[in-house]
Amino acid sequence: MTAEVGRRLIDGALAFAAGRYGQAVAAILLVRGEAIQIGGSHAQRDIVNLTLIAAAERSHQWGLARALLAERVRARPTPRVKAEHRRTLGHIQQRLRR
C-alpha cells in the first residue's frame, strides 16, 4: 500500500513541479484519501490536498477546484481557510469570465 500510494503522490508532485498540472491532478486524486495510511503529520497530509487544489486551478478544472475548496472549508473552518476559500473562489470566477 505504501509503495503504491507513495509512488502516485511522488508522481503527482513531480508532475506539478514540471507544470503538468492535469497529470498532477490525475495522480494525486486517485490516492489522496489513502495518504493517511502512509503516515505523516496533519500538516504534511494537508500539503497533498493543497497541491491538488492548486493543480486543479492551474489545469483549469474549476469545478474540481471549487469542490475541493468547499471540502477543505468543511474540514477546517478556520478564519484563514475561509479567507483562502473566498480569495480562490474570486480568482476562479475571474478566470471563468474571460
PDB file of N, CA and C in Angstrom:
ATOM      1  N   MET A   1       0.825  -1.193   0.000  1.00  0.00           N
ATOM      2  CA  MET A   1       0.000   0.000   0.000  1.00  0.00           C
ATOM      3  C   MET A   1       0.868   1.255   0.000  1.00  0.00           C
ATOM      4  N   THR A   2       1.865   1.284   0.873  1.00  0.00           N
ATOM      5  CA  THR A   2       2.715   2.465   0.972  1.00  0.00           C
ATOM      6  C   THR A   2       3.418   2.755  -0.352  1.00  0.00           C
ATOM      7  N   ALA A   3       3.913   1.732  -0.989  1.00  0.00           N
ATOM      8  CA  ALA A   3       4.615   1.940  -2.259  1.00  0.00           C
ATOM      9  C   ALA A   3       3.675   2.467  -3.333  1.00  0.00           C
ATOM     10  N   GLU A   4       2.474   1.919  -3.408  1.00  0.00           N
ATOM     11  CA  GLU A   4       1.528   2.356  -4.435  1.00  0.00           C
ATOM     12  C   GLU A   4       1.067   3.795  -4.188  1.00  0.00           C
ATOM     13  N   VAL A   5       0.668   4.094  -2.957  1.00  0.00           N
ATOM     14  CA  VAL A   5       0.201   5.438  -2.620  1.00  0.00           C
ATOM     15  C   VAL A   5       1.351   6.432  -2.719  1.00  0.00           C
ATOM     16  N   GLY A   6       2.473   6.079  -2.123  1.00  0.00           N
ATOM     17  CA  GLY A   6       3.632   6.966  -2.147  1.00  0.00           C
ATOM     18  C   GLY A   6       4.100   7.266  -3.556  1.00  0.00           C
ATOM     19  N   ARG A   7       4.099   6.262  -4.396  1.00  0.00           N
ATOM     20  CA  ARG A   7       4.546   6.442  -5.783  1.00  0.00           C
ATOM     21  C   ARG A   7       3.647   7.423  -6.522  1.00  0.00           C
ATOM     22  N   ARG A   8       2.341   7.273  -6.350  1.00  0.00           N
ATOM     23  CA  ARG A   8       1.408   8.183  -7.032  1.00  0.00           C
ATOM     24  C   ARG A   8       1.554   9.619  -6.510  1.00  0.00           C
ATOM     25  N   LEU A   9       1.767   9.756  -5.201  1.00  0.00           N
ATOM     26  CA  LEU A   9       1.961  11.093  -4.636  1.00  0.00           C
ATOM     27  C   LEU A   9       3.240  11.728  -5.181  1.00  0.00           C
ATOM     28  N   ILE A  10       4.286  10.927  -5.268  1.00  0.00           N
ATOM     29  CA  ILE A  10       5.544  11.433  -5.829  1.00  0.00           C
ATOM     30  C   ILE A  10       5.362  11.791  -7.300  1.00  0.00           C
ATOM     31  N   ASP A  11       4.692  10.924  -8.047  1.00  0.00           N
ATOM     32  CA  ASP A  11       4.432  11.223  -9.457  1.00  0.00           C
ATOM     33  C   ASP A  11       3.645  12.525  -9.588  1.00  0.00           C
ATOM     34  N   GLY A  12       2.663  12.703  -8.711  1.00  0.00           N
ATOM     35  CA  GLY A  12       1.860  13.928  -8.733  1.00  0.00           C
ATOM     36  C   GLY A  12       2.695  15.154  -8.408  1.00  0.00           C
ATOM     37  N   ALA A  13       3.544  15.045  -7.404  1.00  0.00           N
ATOM     38  CA  ALA A  13       4.405  16.170  -7.018  1.00  0.00           C
ATOM     39  C   ALA A  13       5.380  16.520  -8.137  1.00  0.00           C
ATOM     40  N   LEU A  14       5.952  15.508  -8.772  1.00  0.00           N
ATOM     41  CA  LEU A  14       6.884  15.751  -9.876  1.00  0.00           C
ATOM     42  C   LEU A  14       6.175  16.384 -11.072  1.00  0.00           C
ATOM     43  N   ALA A  15       4.966  15.910 -11.365  1.00  0.00           N
ATOM     44  CA  ALA A  15       4.195  16.490 -12.465  1.00  0.00           C
ATOM     45  C   ALA A  15       3.868  17.954 -12.159  1.00  0.00           C
ATOM     46  N   PHE A  16       3.483  18.227 -10.915  1.00  0.00           N
ATOM     47  CA  PHE A  16       3.174  19.600 -10.517  1.00  0.00           C
ATOM     48  C   PHE A  16       4.406  20.488 -10.694  1.00  0.00           C
ATOM     49  N   ALA A  17       5.540  20.014 -10.220  1.00  0.00           N
ATOM     50  CA  ALA A  17       6.780  20.796 -10.318  1.00  0.00           C
ATOM     51  C   ALA A  17       7.168  21.068 -11.768  1.00  0.00           C
ATOM     52  N   ALA A  18       6.816  20.147 -12.653  1.00  0.00           N
ATOM     53  CA  ALA A  18       7.144  20.299 -14.070  1.00  0.00           C
ATOM     54  C   ALA A  18       6.078  21.091 -14.834  1.00  0.00           C
ATOM     55  N   GLY A  19       5.033  21.520 -14.128  1.00  0.00           N
ATOM     56  CA  GLY A  19       3.985  22.291 -14.783  1.00  0.00           C
ATOM     57  C   GLY A  19       2.964  21.452 -15.510  1.00  0.00           C
ATOM     58  N   ARG A  20       2.967  20.159 -15.267  1.00  0.00           N
ATOM     59  CA  ARG A  20       1.982  19.255 -15.873  1.00  0.00           C
ATOM     60  C   ARG A  20       0.842  19.053 -14.866  1.00  0.00           C
ATOM     61  N   TYR A  21       0.021  20.087 -14.734  1.00  0.00           N
ATOM     62  CA  TYR A  21      -0.960  20.132 -13.659  1.00  0.00           C
ATOM     63  C   TYR A  21      -2.091  19.112 -13.821  1.00  0.00           C
ATOM     64  N   GLY A  22      -2.496  18.850 -15.037  1.00  0.00           N
ATOM     65  CA  GLY A  22      -3.524  17.832 -15.270  1.00  0.00           C
ATOM     66  C   GLY A  22      -3.048  16.457 -14.828  1.00  0.00           C
ATOM     67  N   GLN A  23      -1.789  16.145 -15.124  1.00  0.00           N
ATOM     68  CA  GLN A  23      -1.222  14.861 -14.686  1.00  0.00           C
ATOM     69  C   GLN A  23      -1.095  14.816 -13.173  1.00  0.00           C
ATOM     70  N   ALA A  24      -0.775  15.953 -12.566  1.00  0.00           N
ATOM     71  CA  ALA A  24      -0.684  16.006 -11.105  1.00  0.00           C
ATOM     72  C   ALA A  24      -2.035  15.703 -10.486  1.00  0.00           C
ATOM     73  N   VAL A  25      -3.081  16.302 -11.037  1.00  0.00           N
ATOM     74  CA  VAL A  25      -4.432  16.042 -10.535  1.00  0.00           C
ATOM     75  C   VAL A  25      -4.752  14.562 -10.650  1.00  0.00           C
ATOM     76  N   ALA A  26      -4.501  13.992 -11.816  1.00  0.00           N
ATOM     77  CA  ALA A  26      -4.830  12.587 -12.049  1.00  0.00           C
ATOM     78  C   ALA A  26      -4.120  11.665 -11.061  1.00  0.00           C
ATOM     79  N   ALA A  27      -2.849  11.932 -10.803  1.00  0.00           N
ATOM     80  CA  ALA A  27      -2.078  11.069  -9.900  1.00  0.00           C
ATOM     81  C   ALA A  27      -2.520  11.229  -8.454  1.00  0.00           C
ATOM     82  N   ILE A  28      -2.673  12.454  -8.003  1.00  0.00           N
ATOM     83  CA  ILE A  28      -2.971  12.705  -6.592  1.00  0.00           C
ATOM     84  C   ILE A  28      -4.418  12.361  -6.256  1.00  0.00           C
ATOM     85  N   LEU A  29      -5.326  12.673  -7.155  1.00  0.00           N
ATOM     86  CA  LEU A  29      -6.747  12.445  -6.892  1.00  0.00           C
ATOM     87  C   LEU A  29      -7.047  10.978  -6.604  1.00  0.00           C
ATOM     88  N   LEU A  30      -6.315  10.094  -7.262  1.00  0.00           N
ATOM     89  CA  LEU A  30      -6.549   8.661  -7.071  1.00  0.00           C
ATOM     90  C   LEU A  30      -6.213   8.172  -5.661  1.00  0.00           C
ATOM     91  N   VAL A  31      -5.271   8.838  -4.993  1.00  0.00           N
ATOM     92  CA  VAL A  31      -4.781   8.297  -3.715  1.00  0.00           C
ATOM     93  C   VAL A  31      -4.894   9.263  -2.538  1.00  0.00           C
ATOM     94  N   ARG A  32      -5.441  10.435  -2.735  1.00  0.00           N
ATOM     95  CA  ARG A  32      -5.432  11.407  -1.641  1.00  0.00           C
ATOM     96  C   ARG A  32      -6.148  10.904  -0.403  1.00  0.00           C
ATOM     97  N   GLY A  33      -7.203  10.131  -0.574  1.00  0.00           N
ATOM     98  CA  GLY A  33      -7.923   9.577   0.569  1.00  0.00           C
ATOM     99  C   GLY A  33      -7.141   8.503   1.301  1.00  0.00           C
ATOM    100  N   GLU A  34      -6.177   7.925   0.628  1.00  0.00           N
ATOM    101  CA  GLU A  34      -5.368   6.859   1.219  1.00  0.00           C
ATOM    102  C   GLU A  34      -4.035   7.373   1.765  1.00  0.00           C
ATOM    103  N   ALA A  35      -3.764   8.638   1.585  1.00  0.00           N
ATOM    104  CA  ALA A  35      -2.482   9.198   2.024  1.00  0.00           C
ATOM    105  C   ALA A  35      -2.287   9.050   3.523  1.00  0.00           C
ATOM    106  N   ILE A  36      -3.361   9.031   4.270  1.00  0.00           N
ATOM    107  CA  ILE A  36      -3.264   8.885   5.726  1.00  0.00           C
ATOM    108  C   ILE A  36      -2.603   7.553   6.104  1.00  0.00           C
ATOM    109  N   GLN A  37      -2.727   6.563   5.246  1.00  0.00           N
ATOM    110  CA  GLN A  37      -2.188   5.239   5.540  1.00  0.00           C
ATOM    111  C   GLN A  37      -0.661   5.198   5.511  1.00  0.00           C
ATOM    112  N   ILE A  38      -0.044   6.177   4.876  1.00  0.00           N
ATOM    113  CA  ILE A  38       1.421   6.153   4.843  1.00  0.00           C
ATOM    114  C   ILE A  38       2.023   7.025   5.932  1.00  0.00           C
ATOM    115  N   GLY A  39       1.165   7.592   6.775  1.00  0.00           N
ATOM    116  CA  GLY A  39       1.648   8.346   7.928  1.00  0.00           C
ATOM    117  C   GLY A  39       1.865   9.806   7.631  1.00  0.00           C
ATOM    118  N   GLY A  40       2.631  10.431   8.502  1.00  0.00           N
ATOM    119  CA  GLY A  40       2.880  11.859   8.376  1.00  0.00           C
ATOM    120  C   GLY A  40       1.947  12.658   9.266  1.00  0.00           C
ATOM    121  N   SER A  41       2.306  13.888   9.474  1.00  0.00           N
ATOM    122  CA  SER A  41       1.500  14.764  10.319  1.00  0.00           C
ATOM    123  C   SER A  41       0.284  15.261   9.549  1.00  0.00           C
ATOM    124  N   HIS A  42      -0.617  15.909  10.265  1.00  0.00           N
ATOM    125  CA  HIS A  42      -1.780  16.519   9.609  1.00  0.00           C
ATOM    126  C   HIS A  42      -1.304  17.560   8.597  1.00  0.00           C
ATOM    127  N   ALA A  43      -0.302  18.337   8.978  1.00  0.00           N
ATOM    128  CA  ALA A  43       0.214  19.371   8.077  1.00  0.00           C
ATOM    129  C   ALA A  43       0.809  18.754   6.811  1.00  0.00           C
ATOM    130  N   GLN A  44       1.531  17.660   6.954  1.00  0.00           N
ATOM    131  CA  GLN A  44       2.119  17.010   5.785  1.00  0.00           C
ATOM    132  C   GLN A  44       1.031  16.458   4.868  1.00  0.00           C
ATOM    133  N   ARG A  45       0.009  15.864   5.466  1.00  0.00           N
ATOM    134  CA  ARG A  45      -1.091  15.349   4.643  1.00  0.00           C
ATOM    135  C   ARG A  45      -1.889  16.488   4.018  1.00  0.00           C
ATOM    136  N   ASP A  46      -1.943  17.623   4.706  1.00  0.00           N
ATOM    137  CA  ASP A  46      -2.648  18.776   4.169  1.00  0.00           C
ATOM    138  C   ASP A  46      -1.966  19.293   2.904  1.00  0.00           C
ATOM    139  N   ILE A  47      -0.669  19.134   2.829  1.00  0.00           N
ATOM    140  CA  ILE A  47       0.060  19.548   1.631  1.00  0.00           C
ATOM    141  C   ILE A  47      -0.450  18.797   0.405  1.00  0.00           C
ATOM    142  N   VAL A  48      -0.829  17.546   0.584  1.00  0.00           N
ATOM    143  CA  VAL A  48      -1.381  16.764  -0.522  1.00  0.00           C
ATOM    144  C   VAL A  48      -2.632  17.461  -1.050  1.00  0.00           C
ATOM    145  N   ASN A  49      -3.535  17.842  -0.148  1.00  0.00           N
ATOM    146  CA  ASN A  49      -4.776  18.495  -0.569  1.00  0.00           C
ATOM    147  C   ASN A  49      -4.517  19.878  -1.163  1.00  0.00           C
ATOM    148  N   LEU A  50      -3.607  20.628  -0.576  1.00  0.00           N
ATOM    149  CA  LEU A  50      -3.296  21.957  -1.106  1.00  0.00           C
ATOM    150  C   LEU A  50      -2.686  21.861  -2.503  1.00  0.00           C
ATOM    151  N   THR A  51      -1.825  20.875  -2.707  1.00  0.00           N
ATOM    152  CA  THR A  51      -1.222  20.672  -4.024  1.00  0.00           C
ATOM    153  C   THR A  51      -2.290  20.290  -5.039  1.00  0.00           C
ATOM    154  N   LEU A  52      -3.209  19.432  -4.628  1.00  0.00           N
ATOM    155  CA  LEU A  52      -4.287  19.018  -5.519  1.00  0.00           C
ATOM    156  C   LEU A  52      -5.161  20.206  -5.901  1.00  0.00           C
ATOM    157  N   ILE A  53      -5.494  21.055  -4.935  1.00  0.00           N
ATOM    158  CA  ILE A  53      -6.306  22.244  -5.224  1.00  0.00           C
ATOM    159  C   ILE A  53      -5.572  23.155  -6.212  1.00  0.00           C
ATOM    160  N   ALA A  54      -4.301  23.402  -5.949  1.00  0.00           N
ATOM    161  CA  ALA A  54      -3.517  24.272  -6.836  1.00  0.00           C
ATOM    162  C   ALA A  54      -3.420  23.668  -8.238  1.00  0.00           C
ATOM    163  N   ALA A  55      -3.218  22.368  -8.325  1.00  0.00           N
ATOM    164  CA  ALA A  55      -3.119  21.710  -9.632  1.00  0.00           C
ATOM    165  C   ALA A  55      -4.456  21.781 -10.371  1.00  0.00           C
ATOM    166  N   ALA A  56      -5.550  21.602  -9.650  1.00  0.00           N
ATOM    167  CA  ALA A  56      -6.880  21.705 -10.279  1.00  0.00           C
ATOM    168  C   ALA A  56      -7.097  23.106 -10.836  1.00  0.00           C
ATOM    169  N   GLU A  57      -6.725  24.116 -10.067  1.00  0.00           N
ATOM    170  CA  GLU A  57      -6.846  25.502 -10.544  1.00  0.00           C
ATOM    171  C   GLU A  57      -5.990  25.724 -11.786  1.00  0.00           C
ATOM    172  N   ARG A  58      -4.729  25.344 -11.695  1.00  0.00           N
ATOM    173  CA  ARG A  58      -3.787  25.630 -12.787  1.00  0.00           C
ATOM    174  C   ARG A  58      -4.079  24.849 -14.051  1.00  0.00           C
ATOM    175  N   SER A  59      -4.813  23.741 -13.908  1.00  0.00           N
ATOM    176  CA  SER A  59      -5.204  22.975 -15.096  1.00  0.00           C
ATOM    177  C   SER A  59      -6.621  23.332 -15.536  1.00  0.00           C
ATOM    178  N   HIS A  60      -7.160  24.397 -14.948  1.00  0.00           N
ATOM    179  CA  HIS A  60      -8.483  24.938 -15.299  1.00  0.00           C
ATOM    180  C   HIS A  60      -9.616  23.954 -15.040  1.00  0.00           C
ATOM    181  N   GLN A  61      -9.443  23.110 -14.051  1.00  0.00           N
ATOM    182  CA  GLN A  61     -10.502  22.195 -13.633  1.00  0.00           C
ATOM    183  C   GLN A  61     -11.278  22.880 -12.510  1.00  0.00           C
ATOM    184  N   TRP A  62     -12.043  23.915 -12.905  1.00  0.00           N
ATOM    185  CA  TRP A  62     -12.671  24.814 -11.945  1.00  0.00           C
ATOM    186  C   TRP A  62     -13.677  24.110 -11.041  1.00  0.00           C
ATOM    187  N   GLY A  63     -14.466  23.220 -11.587  1.00  0.00           N
ATOM    188  CA  GLY A  63     -15.452  22.503 -10.769  1.00  0.00           C
ATOM    189  C   GLY A  63     -14.783  21.683  -9.676  1.00  0.00           C
ATOM    190  N   LEU A  64     -13.717  21.002 -10.039  1.00  0.00           N
ATOM    191  CA  LEU A  64     -12.972  20.216  -9.060  1.00  0.00           C
ATOM    192  C   LEU A  64     -12.339  21.124  -8.018  1.00  0.00           C
ATOM    193  N   ALA A  65     -11.745  22.216  -8.462  1.00  0.00           N
ATOM    194  CA  ALA A  65     -11.119  23.154  -7.518  1.00  0.00           C
ATOM    195  C   ALA A  65     -12.140  23.676  -6.526  1.00  0.00           C
ATOM    196  N   ARG A  66     -13.316  24.064  -7.009  1.00  0.00           N
ATOM    197  CA  ARG A  66     -14.370  24.555  -6.106  1.00  0.00           C
ATOM    198  C   ARG A  66     -14.806  23.481  -5.122  1.00  0.00           C
ATOM    199  N   ALA A  67     -14.982  22.264  -5.604  1.00  0.00           N
ATOM    200  CA  ALA A  67     -15.410  21.168  -4.727  1.00  0.00           C
ATOM    201  C   ALA A  67     -14.360  20.879  -3.657  1.00  0.00           C
ATOM    202  N   LEU A  68     -13.104  20.869  -4.051  1.00  0.00           N
ATOM    203  CA  LEU A  68     -12.028  20.614  -3.087  1.00  0.00           C
ATOM    204  C   LEU A  68     -11.934  21.734  -2.054  1.00  0.00           C
ATOM    205  N   LEU A  69     -12.112  22.973  -2.511  1.00  0.00           N
ATOM    206  CA  LEU A  69     -12.083  24.106  -1.580  1.00  0.00           C
ATOM    207  C   LEU A  69     -13.240  24.033  -0.581  1.00  0.00           C
ATOM    208  N   ALA A  70     -14.421  23.701  -1.071  1.00  0.00           N
ATOM    209  CA  ALA A  70     -15.581  23.583  -0.180  1.00  0.00           C
ATOM    210  C   ALA A  70     -15.359  22.468   0.844  1.00  0.00           C
ATOM    211  N   GLU A  71     -14.789  21.373   0.398  1.00  0.00           N
ATOM    212  CA  GLU A  71     -14.472  20.264   1.297  1.00  0.00           C
ATOM    213  C   GLU A  71     -13.476  20.710   2.364  1.00  0.00           C
ATOM    214  N   ARG A  72     -12.496  21.482   1.942  1.00  0.00           N
ATOM    215  CA  ARG A  72     -11.469  21.969   2.878  1.00  0.00           C
ATOM    216  C   ARG A  72     -12.077  22.888   3.932  1.00  0.00           C
ATOM    217  N   VAL A  73     -12.982  23.750   3.521  1.00  0.00           N
ATOM    218  CA  VAL A  73     -13.633  24.650   4.479  1.00  0.00           C
ATOM    219  C   VAL A  73     -14.464  23.851   5.479  1.00  0.00           C
ATOM    220  N   ARG A  74     -15.148  22.827   5.002  1.00  0.00           N
ATOM    221  CA  ARG A  74     -15.939  21.989   5.928  1.00  0.00           C
ATOM    222  C   ARG A  74     -15.040  21.268   6.926  1.00  0.00           C
ATOM    223  N   ALA A  75     -13.892  20.809   6.472  1.00  0.00           N
ATOM    224  CA  ALA A  75     -12.982  20.059   7.340  1.00  0.00           C
ATOM    225  C   ALA A  75     -12.208  20.971   8.289  1.00  0.00           C
ATOM    226  N   ARG A  76     -11.904  22.185   7.847  1.00  0.00           N
ATOM    227  CA  ARG A  76     -11.083  23.120   8.635  1.00  0.00           C
ATOM    228  C   ARG A  76     -11.692  24.518   8.549  1.00  0.00           C
ATOM    229  N   PRO A  77     -12.787  24.753   9.250  1.00  0.00           N
ATOM    230  CA  PRO A  77     -13.476  26.049   9.123  1.00  0.00           C
ATOM    231  C   PRO A  77     -12.812  27.184   9.907  1.00  0.00           C
ATOM    232  N   THR A  78     -11.513  27.326   9.747  1.00  0.00           N
ATOM    233  CA  THR A  78     -10.795  28.396  10.432  1.00  0.00           C
ATOM    234  C   THR A  78     -10.906  29.683   9.621  1.00  0.00           C
ATOM    235  N   PRO A  79     -10.715  30.829  10.258  1.00  0.00           N
ATOM    236  CA  PRO A  79     -10.761  32.091   9.507  1.00  0.00           C
ATOM    237  C   PRO A  79      -9.778  32.120   8.331  1.00  0.00           C
ATOM    238  N   ARG A  80      -8.595  31.574   8.525  1.00  0.00           N
ATOM    239  CA  ARG A  80      -7.594  31.565   7.455  1.00  0.00           C
ATOM    240  C   ARG A  80      -8.059  30.729   6.264  1.00  0.00           C
ATOM    241  N   VAL A  81      -8.585  29.533   6.527  1.00  0.00           N
ATOM    242  CA  VAL A  81      -9.051  28.664   5.441  1.00  0.00           C
ATOM    243  C   VAL A  81     -10.234  29.307   4.725  1.00  0.00           C
ATOM    244  N   LYS A  82     -11.137  29.928   5.485  1.00  0.00           N
ATOM    245  CA  LYS A  82     -12.281  30.607   4.869  1.00  0.00           C
ATOM    246  C   LYS A  82     -11.816  31.760   3.985  1.00  0.00           C
ATOM    247  N   ALA A  83     -10.815  32.504   4.442  1.00  0.00           N
ATOM    248  CA  ALA A  83     -10.276  33.610   3.643  1.00  0.00           C
ATOM    249  C   ALA A  83      -9.627  33.084   2.365  1.00  0.00           C
ATOM    250  N   GLU A  84      -8.872  31.983   2.461  1.00  0.00           N
ATOM    251  CA  GLU A  84      -8.269  31.368   1.276  1.00  0.00           C
ATOM    252  C   GLU A  84      -9.353  30.934   0.298  1.00  0.00           C
ATOM    253  N   HIS A  85     -10.419  30.376   0.845  1.00  0.00           N
ATOM    254  CA  HIS A  85     -11.533  29.905   0.032  1.00  0.00           C
ATOM    255  C   HIS A  85     -12.156  31.073  -0.737  1.00  0.00           C
ATOM    256  N   ARG A  86     -12.440  32.161  -0.048  1.00  0.00           N
ATOM    257  CA  ARG A  86     -13.030  33.335  -0.709  1.00  0.00           C
ATOM    258  C   ARG A  86     -12.097  33.898  -1.777  1.00  0.00           C
ATOM    259  N   ARG A  87     -10.819  34.002  -1.452  1.00  0.00           N
ATOM    260  CA  ARG A  87      -9.838  34.545  -2.393  1.00  0.00           C
ATOM    261  C   ARG A  87      -9.748  33.668  -3.641  1.00  0.00           C
ATOM    262  N   THR A  88      -9.664  32.379  -3.433  1.00  0.00           N
ATOM    263  CA  THR A  88      -9.522  31.463  -4.564  1.00  0.00           C
ATOM    264  C   THR A  88     -10.795  31.406  -5.390  1.00  0.00           C
ATOM    265  N   LEU A  89     -11.944  31.430  -4.735  1.00  0.00           N
ATOM    266  CA  LEU A  89     -13.193  31.441  -5.497  1.00  0.00           C
ATOM    267  C   LEU A  89     -13.308  32.703  -6.342  1.00  0.00           C
ATOM    268  N   GLY A  90     -12.873  33.823  -5.793  1.00  0.00           N
ATOM    269  CA  GLY A  90     -12.864  35.062  -6.568  1.00  0.00           C
ATOM    270  C   GLY A  90     -11.960  34.940  -7.782  1.00  0.00           C
ATOM    271  N   HIS A  91     -10.813  34.324  -7.592  1.00  0.00           N
ATOM    272  CA  HIS A  91      -9.875  34.109  -8.699  1.00  0.00           C
ATOM    273  C   HIS A  91     -10.510  33.213  -9.763  1.00  0.00           C
ATOM    274  N   ILE A  92     -11.166  32.153  -9.327  1.00  0.00           N
ATOM    275  CA  ILE A  92     -11.818  31.231 -10.267  1.00  0.00           C
ATOM    276  C   ILE A  92     -12.911  31.959 -11.040  1.00  0.00           C
ATOM    277  N   GLN A  93     -13.706  32.751 -10.356  1.00  0.00           N
ATOM    278  CA  GLN A  93     -14.783  33.480 -11.027  1.00  0.00           C
ATOM    279  C   GLN A  93     -14.233  34.449 -12.062  1.00  0.00           C
ATOM    280  N   GLN A  94     -13.122  35.098 -11.752  1.00  0.00           N
ATOM    281  CA  GLN A  94     -12.485  35.997 -12.730  1.00  0.00           C
ATOM    282  C   GLN A  94     -12.035  35.236 -13.955  1.00  0.00           C
ATOM    283  N   ARG A  95     -11.449  34.071 -13.753  1.00  0.00           N
ATOM    284  CA  ARG A  95     -10.967  33.260 -14.888  1.00  0.00           C
ATOM    285  C   ARG A  95     -12.130  32.794 -15.750  1.00  0.00           C
ATOM    286  N   LEU A  96     -13.261  32.461 -15.107  1.00  0.00           N
ATOM    287  CA  LEU A  96     -14.415  31.982 -15.862  1.00  0.00           C
ATOM    288  C   LEU A  96     -15.031  33.093 -16.722  1.00  0.00           C
ATOM    289  N   ARG A  97     -14.894  34.335 -16.287  1.00  0.00           N
ATOM    290  CA  ARG A  97     -15.456  35.473 -17.037  1.00  0.00           C
ATOM    291  C   ARG A  97     -14.648  35.775 -18.296  1.00  0.00           C
ATOM    292  N   ARG A  98     -13.421  35.340 -18.356  1.00  0.00           N
ATOM    293  CA  ARG A  98     -12.553  35.642 -19.516  1.00  0.00           C
ATOM    294  C   ARG A  98     -12.890  34.841 -20.721  1.00  0.00           C
TER     295      ARG A  98
END
